[in-house]
Protein backbone atom coordinates (compact mmCIF):
# COMPACT_ATOMS: atom_id res chain seq x y z
CA MET A 1 12.78 -8.72 -5.67
CA ASN A 2 11.53 -5.51 -3.58
CA ILE A 3 8.09 -5.06 -4.48
CA ALA A 4 6.22 -1.70 -3.15
CA LEU A 5 2.84 -2.55 -2.78
CA ILE A 6 0.19 1.47 -2.95
CA ALA A 7 -3.28 2.16 -2.74
CA HIS A 8 -5.07 5.09 -3.38
CA ASP A 9 -7.64 4.81 -0.70
CA GLU A 10 -10.76 3.75 -2.76
CA LYS A 11 -8.63 0.59 -4.27
CA LYS A 12 -7.24 -1.18 -0.84
CA ASN A 13 -9.46 -3.11 -0.61
CA ASP A 14 -8.58 -4.57 -4.56
CA LEU A 15 -5.08 -4.45 -3.54
CA VAL A 16 -4.89 -6.50 -0.03
CA GLN A 17 -7.46 -8.87 -1.99
CA PHE A 18 -5.21 -9.05 -4.43
CA VAL A 19 -2.41 -9.87 -2.29
CA THR A 20 -4.16 -11.65 0.02
CA ALA A 21 -4.48 -14.50 -2.76
CA TYR A 22 -0.26 -14.45 -4.52
CA GLN A 23 0.22 -14.30 -0.60
CA GLU A 24 2.39 -17.18 -1.61
CA ILE A 25 4.62 -15.64 -4.15
CA PHE A 26 4.61 -12.30 -2.76
CA LYS A 27 6.47 -14.08 0.33
CA LYS A 28 9.34 -15.19 -1.04
CA HIS A 29 9.92 -10.92 -1.63
CA THR A 30 10.40 -7.98 0.13
CA LEU A 31 7.67 -5.72 0.80
CA PHE A 32 7.70 -2.07 1.45
CA ALA A 33 4.04 0.14 1.58
CA THR A 34 3.18 3.26 1.72
CA GLY A 35 1.11 3.36 5.32
CA THR A 36 -2.46 2.50 6.07
CA THR A 37 -2.13 0.38 2.89
CA GLY A 38 1.59 -1.46 4.05
CA LEU A 39 -0.82 -1.95 7.43
CA ARG A 40 -3.65 -3.50 6.00
CA ILE A 41 -1.95 -5.62 4.01
CA ASN A 42 0.07 -6.69 7.12
CA GLU A 43 -3.56 -7.53 8.96
CA ALA A 44 -4.48 -9.68 6.21
CA THR A 45 -2.04 -11.58 5.41
CA GLY A 46 0.83 -11.44 8.66
CA LEU A 47 3.10 -10.71 5.31
CA SER A 48 6.59 -8.58 6.90
CA ILE A 49 5.96 -5.32 5.12
CA THR A 50 8.44 -1.99 5.28
CA ARG A 51 6.36 0.92 5.31
CA TYR A 52 6.79 4.67 4.72
CA GLN A 53 4.64 7.05 5.12
CA SER A 54 1.07 7.50 3.66
CA GLY A 55 0.93 8.51 0.35
CA PRO A 56 0.04 12.01 0.61
CA LEU A 57 2.52 12.76 3.66
CA GLY A 58 5.55 12.20 1.16
CA GLY A 59 4.86 7.86 0.78
CA ASP A 60 4.48 7.73 -3.32
CA GLN A 61 8.40 10.07 -2.88
CA GLN A 62 9.88 7.15 -0.27
CA ILE A 63 9.03 5.05 -2.76
CA GLY A 64 10.11 6.79 -6.00
CA ALA A 65 13.59 7.64 -4.10
CA ARG A 66 14.25 4.10 -4.19
CA ILE A 67 13.43 3.51 -7.52
CA ALA A 68 15.96 6.47 -8.30
CA GLN A 69 17.91 4.69 -6.55
CA ASN A 70 17.91 1.11 -8.18
CA GLN A 71 16.57 -0.46 -5.24
CA MET A 72 12.74 -1.32 -6.20
CA ASP A 73 11.95 -4.08 -8.87
CA ALA A 74 8.18 -4.08 -9.09
CA ILE A 75 5.79 -1.51 -8.03
CA PHE A 76 1.78 -2.83 -7.49
CA PHE A 77 0.03 1.01 -7.39
CA PHE A 78 -3.96 0.36 -7.31
CA ARG A 79 -4.81 4.11 -8.95
CA ASP A 80 -8.19 5.33 -8.40
CA PRO A 81 -9.05 7.25 -11.64
CA LEU A 82 -12.61 8.02 -10.82
CA THR A 83 -11.20 10.60 -7.75
CA ALA A 84 -8.94 13.26 -7.99
CA GLN A 85 -6.24 13.05 -5.08
CA PRO A 86 -4.76 15.83 -3.42
CA HIS A 87 -1.24 14.36 -4.12
CA GLU A 88 -1.05 14.16 -7.82
CA PRO A 89 2.16 15.44 -8.78
CA ASP A 90 3.81 12.81 -6.62
CA VAL A 91 1.17 9.60 -8.46
CA THR A 92 2.54 11.50 -11.33
CA ALA A 93 6.63 11.87 -10.79
CA LEU A 94 6.23 8.05 -9.28
CA VAL A 95 5.31 6.98 -12.54
CA ARG A 96 7.87 9.00 -14.87
CA LEU A 97 10.49 7.44 -12.42
CA CYS A 98 9.00 3.72 -13.24
CA ASP A 99 9.12 4.57 -16.80
CA VAL A 100 12.65 6.33 -16.58
CA TYR A 101 13.97 3.58 -14.88
CA SER A 102 12.24 0.74 -16.29
CA ILE A 103 10.30 -0.38 -13.25
CA PRO A 104 7.47 -2.54 -14.06
CA LEU A 105 4.16 -1.37 -12.77
CA ALA A 106 0.73 -2.62 -12.22
CA THR A 107 -1.88 0.23 -12.10
CA ASN A 108 -4.47 -1.65 -12.20
CA MET A 109 -5.83 -5.70 -11.39
CA GLY A 110 -5.34 -6.53 -15.22
CA THR A 111 -1.33 -5.55 -14.99
CA ALA A 112 -1.07 -6.53 -11.80
CA GLU A 113 -2.17 -10.42 -12.88
CA LEU A 114 0.14 -10.57 -15.39
CA LEU A 115 3.21 -9.30 -13.23
CA ILE A 116 3.01 -11.48 -10.96
CA ARG A 117 2.34 -13.76 -12.99
CA GLY A 118 5.82 -12.51 -14.71
CA LEU A 119 7.40 -12.47 -11.13
CA GLU A 120 6.41 -16.41 -10.33
CA LEU A 121 7.97 -17.60 -13.71
CA GLY A 122 11.27 -15.82 -13.46
CA LEU A 123 10.20 -13.34 -16.50
CA ILE A 124 11.12 -10.13 -13.82
CA ASP A 125 15.16 -11.99 -12.84
CA TRP A 126 16.87 -9.36 -15.57
CA ARG A 127 16.33 -6.84 -12.25
CA ASN A 128 19.18 -9.12 -11.28
CA ILE A 129 21.64 -8.29 -13.56
CA VAL A 130 20.57 -4.83 -13.03
CA LYS A 131 21.75 -4.50 -9.82
CA GLU A 132 25.08 -6.37 -9.76
CA ASN A 133 25.50 -3.91 -13.03
CA GLY A 134 24.91 -1.04 -10.74
CA GLU A 135 23.12 -0.17 -14.12
CA VAL A 136 20.40 3.00 -13.22
CA ASN A 137 18.47 3.63 -16.66
CA GLY A 138 20.35 1.26 -18.72
CA ARG A 139 23.56 2.67 -18.00
């Protein structure tokens, strides 16, 4: 599975701790991340991560483009709901694309726990069928 890891500044530590706790699961997948988040996760875990630009510099949009091309299977995006983000339109667009293309999206620790357990149990394997059939948005 192709998995994106994104976190707002105030949530980066939480995501690093989360990936560290579940690195045995994450290491079985191909990981992508926005700039600083990817660097911090790599430094903490040693996991191989393809890094894009930071979110405000277009990283969210780069991951969004992969979603639109049916090349992303799950997104862990730890958002900070209490801080205004200068790139909020990009964040909203990314969330919208996940909805349009039925990509599982965890925006907080609670949903992240469910999603990672689903990955571990193979409950997201339907994405392989979608990719094999070249489907985008169920078509």
